[in-house]
Amino acid sequence: MTYQYRKKQLSKNEQKVYEKIFHGLENVKREIPVGVRSFSKIEKIMDAVIEDHPEIFYVSGGQVYVSALGSRIEPKYNYSKNEIDEKRWACEVQRESVLNGPVYTNPMMIALRIHNLLGVNVKYKETGKEAHSIVGPLLDMEAVCEGYAKAMKYLLDGYGIPCMVVKGTAKGSSESAFEPHGWILAYINGRWRHIDPTFDCTLSYGKQIREDYFQLTDDEIQKDHCWDRQRYPKAVRDC
């Protein structure tokens, strides 16, 4: 089941609009009536849906129309309906193959296995067409940070482990500047922890996957990562 952190931050009325948008995108509707006459509110809710659901990889924005008669969204789909169905099915097959692998009951071991699978099988590559969506890492075996993070959330969602993609900035070395970056927060054994599969992948060599950025607290990851802490749950040390 998909963990919907962004939805939880919305009001009850906004959550109803969220559901309309989600079901419209899920069914690849050309028009989605939303009944809200605020551009900014519609955009906020649309962003929440996309952030919560990495499986909706085939949408890149859309046009909002507001009038006295109501409002609607005309989503911008990146593929035809048949192409969407094919890629969606292929991603689901990949996820099922992971879920049908070794049986672990400890969420930490599940998260570590997914972290390592991505590290071994996915190559960091900025030029891939699908590098920013789950299609890149799951089907093309290449991704940038956003693709790694979305793929990890997509797989952890399959296990029912609460997680979310964090949008922030990071730097690769003490000399480099902070640049846009994405990673995840996962709820593991009663606590939120940061996991950055991209950083560990680029630090690793061959099949020896590093775990430097696995299960970090806010204090531990803040040395080279920056994010809006008010927007995300706290990852603190154990009492």
Protein backbone atom coordinates (compact mmCIF):
# COMPACT_ATOMS: atom_id res chain seq x y z
CA MET A 1 0.00 0.00 0.00
CA THR A 2 1.34 3.41 -0.95
CA TYR A 3 2.28 5.57 2.02
CA GLN A 4 0.62 8.96 1.50
CA TYR A 5 2.46 11.39 3.76
CA ARG A 6 1.60 14.45 1.67
CA LYS A 7 -2.08 13.59 1.78
CA LYS A 8 -1.97 13.53 5.58
CA GLN A 9 -0.84 17.17 5.56
CA LEU A 10 -3.96 18.33 3.69
CA SER A 11 -7.35 19.39 5.07
CA LYS A 12 -10.32 17.04 4.72
CA ASN A 13 -11.69 18.98 1.75
CA GLU A 14 -8.27 19.01 0.10
CA GLN A 15 -8.00 15.26 0.63
CA LYS A 16 -11.24 14.80 -1.33
CA VAL A 17 -9.72 16.75 -4.22
CA TYR A 18 -6.55 14.68 -3.80
CA GLU A 19 -8.58 11.51 -4.33
CA LYS A 20 -10.25 12.92 -7.44
CA ILE A 21 -6.89 13.83 -8.93
CA PHE A 22 -5.29 10.52 -7.97
CA HIS A 23 -8.05 8.39 -9.49
CA GLY A 24 -8.11 10.58 -12.58
CA LEU A 25 -4.37 10.17 -13.13
CA GLU A 26 -4.47 6.47 -12.26
CA ASN A 27 -7.08 5.97 -14.98
CA VAL A 28 -5.28 8.29 -17.43
CA LYS A 29 -8.22 10.67 -17.75
CA ARG A 30 -7.83 13.53 -20.18
CA GLU A 31 -9.86 15.84 -17.96
CA ILE A 32 -10.24 15.74 -14.18
CA PRO A 33 -12.97 17.91 -12.59
CA VAL A 34 -11.74 19.16 -9.20
CA GLY A 35 -14.26 21.77 -8.05
CA VAL A 36 -11.63 24.08 -6.54
CA ARG A 37 -11.28 27.63 -7.86
CA SER A 38 -7.76 28.31 -6.63
CA PHE A 39 -4.81 27.72 -8.94
CA SER A 40 -2.32 27.56 -6.07
CA LYS A 41 -4.42 25.07 -4.09
CA ILE A 42 -4.91 22.81 -7.10
CA GLU A 43 -1.19 22.88 -7.85
CA LYS A 44 -0.38 22.09 -4.19
CA ILE A 45 -2.72 19.08 -4.18
CA MET A 46 -1.50 17.88 -7.57
CA ASP A 47 2.10 18.03 -6.31
CA ALA A 48 1.08 16.05 -3.21
CA VAL A 49 -0.41 13.29 -5.36
CA ILE A 50 2.70 13.03 -7.55
CA GLU A 51 5.05 13.02 -4.55
CA ASP A 52 3.05 10.33 -2.75
CA HIS A 53 2.72 8.07 -5.78
CA PRO A 54 5.96 7.28 -7.66
CA GLU A 55 3.94 4.76 -9.69
CA ILE A 56 2.39 7.76 -11.46
CA PHE A 57 5.58 8.24 -13.43
CA TYR A 58 3.89 9.20 -16.65
CA VAL A 59 2.64 12.71 -15.77
CA SER A 60 4.58 15.95 -16.08
CA GLY A 61 2.29 18.69 -14.91
CA GLY A 62 -0.78 19.82 -16.76
CA GLN A 63 -3.07 22.74 -17.46
CA VAL A 64 -5.55 24.04 -14.88
CA TYR A 65 -8.76 25.72 -16.07
CA VAL A 66 -10.90 27.72 -13.66
CA SER A 67 -14.21 29.37 -14.50
CA ALA A 68 -17.55 30.25 -12.96
CA LEU A 69 -18.76 26.79 -13.96
CA GLY A 70 -16.03 24.99 -12.02
CA SER A 71 -12.46 23.88 -12.49
CA ARG A 72 -10.61 21.04 -14.13
CA ILE A 73 -7.15 19.71 -14.80
CA GLU A 74 -5.95 18.52 -18.17
CA PRO A 75 -2.88 16.43 -17.26
CA LYS A 76 0.14 16.25 -19.52
CA TYR A 77 0.90 12.58 -20.12
CA ASN A 78 4.34 11.60 -21.37
CA TYR A 79 3.13 8.50 -23.22
CA SER A 80 0.10 7.03 -24.91
CA LYS A 81 -2.36 4.99 -22.83
CA ASN A 82 -0.92 1.73 -24.24
CA GLU A 83 2.65 2.78 -23.44
CA ILE A 84 1.63 3.75 -19.91
CA ASP A 85 -0.03 0.38 -19.36
CA GLU A 86 3.01 -1.48 -20.70
CA LYS A 87 5.52 0.41 -18.56
CA ARG A 88 3.29 0.28 -15.50
CA TRP A 89 2.91 -3.48 -15.88
CA ALA A 90 6.68 -3.92 -16.37
CA CYS A 91 7.40 -1.93 -13.19
CA GLU A 92 4.88 -4.00 -11.25
CA VAL A 93 6.57 -7.18 -12.46
CA GLN A 94 9.91 -5.88 -11.20
CA ARG A 95 8.41 -5.03 -7.83
CA GLU A 96 6.79 -8.45 -7.54
CA SER A 97 10.11 -10.10 -8.27
CA VAL A 98 11.63 -8.19 -5.34
CA LEU A 99 8.72 -8.97 -3.04
CA ASN A 100 8.98 -12.67 -3.92
CA GLY A 101 12.67 -12.76 -3.02
CA PRO A 102 14.19 -13.68 0.37
CA VAL A 103 11.66 -13.42 3.19
CA TYR A 104 12.52 -10.85 5.87
CA THR A 105 10.25 -9.67 8.65
CA ASN A 106 12.53 -6.94 10.00
CA PRO A 107 11.88 -3.65 8.14
CA MET A 108 15.54 -2.75 8.52
CA MET A 109 16.63 -5.87 6.64
CA ILE A 110 14.00 -5.23 3.95
CA ALA A 111 15.18 -1.65 3.47
CA LEU A 112 18.83 -2.75 3.40
CA ARG A 113 18.10 -5.39 0.77
CA ILE A 114 16.35 -2.87 -1.48
CA HIS A 115 19.13 -0.34 -0.91
CA ASN A 116 21.71 -2.94 -1.95
CA LEU A 117 19.70 -4.17 -4.96
CA LEU A 118 19.59 -0.64 -6.31
CA GLY A 119 23.29 -0.17 -5.60
CA VAL A 120 24.31 -3.36 -7.44
CA ASN A 121 21.96 -3.14 -10.40
CA VAL A 122 21.39 0.54 -11.15
CA LYS A 123 23.99 2.80 -12.72
CA TYR A 124 24.07 6.51 -11.96
CA LYS A 125 23.51 8.24 -15.28
CA GLU A 126 22.24 11.77 -15.86
CA THR A 127 21.35 11.44 -19.54
CA GLY A 128 18.78 8.65 -19.39
CA LYS A 129 15.32 9.60 -20.62
CA GLU A 130 13.66 8.09 -17.55
CA ALA A 131 16.39 8.87 -15.02
CA HIS A 132 14.00 10.87 -12.81
CA SER A 133 11.21 8.29 -12.58
CA ILE A 134 10.88 4.67 -11.45
CA VAL A 135 11.16 3.57 -15.07
CA GLY A 136 14.86 4.47 -15.19
CA PRO A 137 16.08 2.31 -12.29
CA LEU A 138 13.53 -0.50 -12.62
CA LEU A 139 13.50 -0.99 -16.39
CA ASP A 140 16.54 0.79 -17.85
CA MET A 141 18.81 0.15 -14.85
CA GLU A 142 20.01 3.75 -14.76
CA ALA A 143 18.92 6.77 -12.76
CA VAL A 144 19.76 10.02 -11.02
CA CYS A 145 19.01 10.71 -7.37
CA GLU A 146 15.29 11.30 -7.92
CA GLY A 147 14.95 8.00 -9.75
CA TYR A 148 16.81 6.09 -7.04
CA ALA A 149 14.66 7.65 -4.31
CA LYS A 150 11.35 7.08 -6.11
CA ALA A 151 12.27 3.49 -6.90
CA MET A 152 13.14 2.80 -3.27
CA LYS A 153 9.84 4.30 -2.11
CA TYR A 154 7.95 2.31 -4.74
CA LEU A 155 9.54 -0.93 -3.53
CA LEU A 156 9.14 -0.15 0.18
CA ASP A 157 5.48 0.74 -0.48
CA GLY A 158 5.10 -2.82 -1.72
CA TYR A 159 6.14 -4.05 1.73
CA GLY A 160 3.90 -1.55 3.52
CA ILE A 161 6.86 0.27 5.06
CA PRO A 162 6.09 4.00 5.51
CA CYS A 163 8.48 6.14 3.51
CA MET A 164 8.67 9.34 1.51
CA VAL A 165 10.96 11.07 -0.96
CA VAL A 166 12.82 14.03 0.54
CA LYS A 167 13.48 16.98 -1.74
CA GLY A 168 16.47 19.04 -0.67
CA THR A 169 20.06 19.78 -1.57
CA ALA A 170 23.36 18.02 -1.00
CA LYS A 171 27.04 18.28 -1.83
CA GLY A 172 29.36 15.47 -2.84
CA SER A 173 32.50 16.79 -1.16
CA SER A 174 33.66 19.57 1.15
CA GLU A 175 34.69 21.62 -1.90
CA SER A 176 31.50 21.22 -3.90
CA ALA A 177 28.42 23.44 -3.69
CA PHE A 178 25.00 22.29 -2.55
CA GLU A 179 22.88 21.12 -5.50
CA PRO A 180 19.27 19.84 -5.79
CA HIS A 181 19.08 16.30 -4.46
CA GLY A 182 16.57 13.66 -3.42
CA TRP A 183 16.66 10.75 -0.98
CA ILE A 184 14.15 9.04 1.33
CA LEU A 185 12.93 8.97 4.88
CA ALA A 186 11.71 5.54 6.00
CA TYR A 187 9.98 4.48 9.19
CA ILE A 188 12.09 1.57 10.40
CA ASN A 189 11.46 -0.25 13.66
CA GLY A 190 9.62 2.62 15.30
CA ARG A 191 11.75 5.52 14.09
CA TRP A 192 12.28 7.67 11.02
CA ARG A 193 15.65 7.34 9.32
CA HIS A 194 17.28 8.91 6.25
CA ILE A 195 18.48 6.63 3.47
CA ASP A 196 20.37 7.98 0.47
CA PRO A 197 20.81 5.16 -2.06
CA THR A 198 22.39 7.52 -4.60
CA PHE A 199 25.26 8.59 -2.36
CA ASP A 200 25.97 4.98 -1.33
CA CYS A 201 25.82 3.83 -4.96
CA THR A 202 28.35 6.43 -6.11
CA LEU A 203 30.62 5.60 -3.16
CA SER A 204 30.49 1.85 -3.84
CA TYR A 205 32.76 -0.24 -6.00
CA GLY A 206 31.37 -3.23 -7.89
CA LYS A 207 29.18 -5.38 -5.69
CA GLN A 208 30.66 -4.04 -2.47
CA ILE A 209 27.83 -1.66 -1.58
CA ARG A 210 28.57 1.03 0.97
CA GLU A 211 26.11 1.77 3.76
CA ASP A 212 27.41 5.17 4.84
CA TYR A 213 24.03 6.80 4.17
CA PHE A 214 21.76 4.07 5.45
CA GLN A 215 19.58 4.74 8.52
CA LEU A 216 20.94 8.17 9.43
CA THR A 217 19.44 10.67 11.86
CA ASP A 218 18.91 14.33 11.03
CA ASP A 219 22.12 15.23 12.86
CA GLU A 220 24.13 12.60 11.00
CA ILE A 221 23.01 13.45 7.48
CA GLN A 222 23.00 17.22 7.87
CA LYS A 223 26.78 17.38 7.32
CA ASP A 224 26.22 17.30 3.56
CA HIS A 225 22.43 17.32 3.11
CA CYS A 226 20.00 20.19 3.59
CA TRP A 227 16.18 20.08 3.59
CA ASP A 228 13.13 21.87 4.97
CA ARG A 229 12.85 20.22 8.36
CA GLN A 230 9.40 21.64 8.99
CA ARG A 231 8.09 19.70 6.02
CA TYR A 232 9.27 16.23 7.07
CA PRO A 233 9.19 14.01 10.19
CA LYS A 234 12.16 14.22 12.54
CA ALA A 235 14.80 11.50 12.49
CA VAL A 236 16.31 11.74 15.97
CA ARG A 237 18.60 9.62 18.07
CA ASP A 238 17.12 6.90 20.24
CA CYS A 239 16.36 7.97 23.79
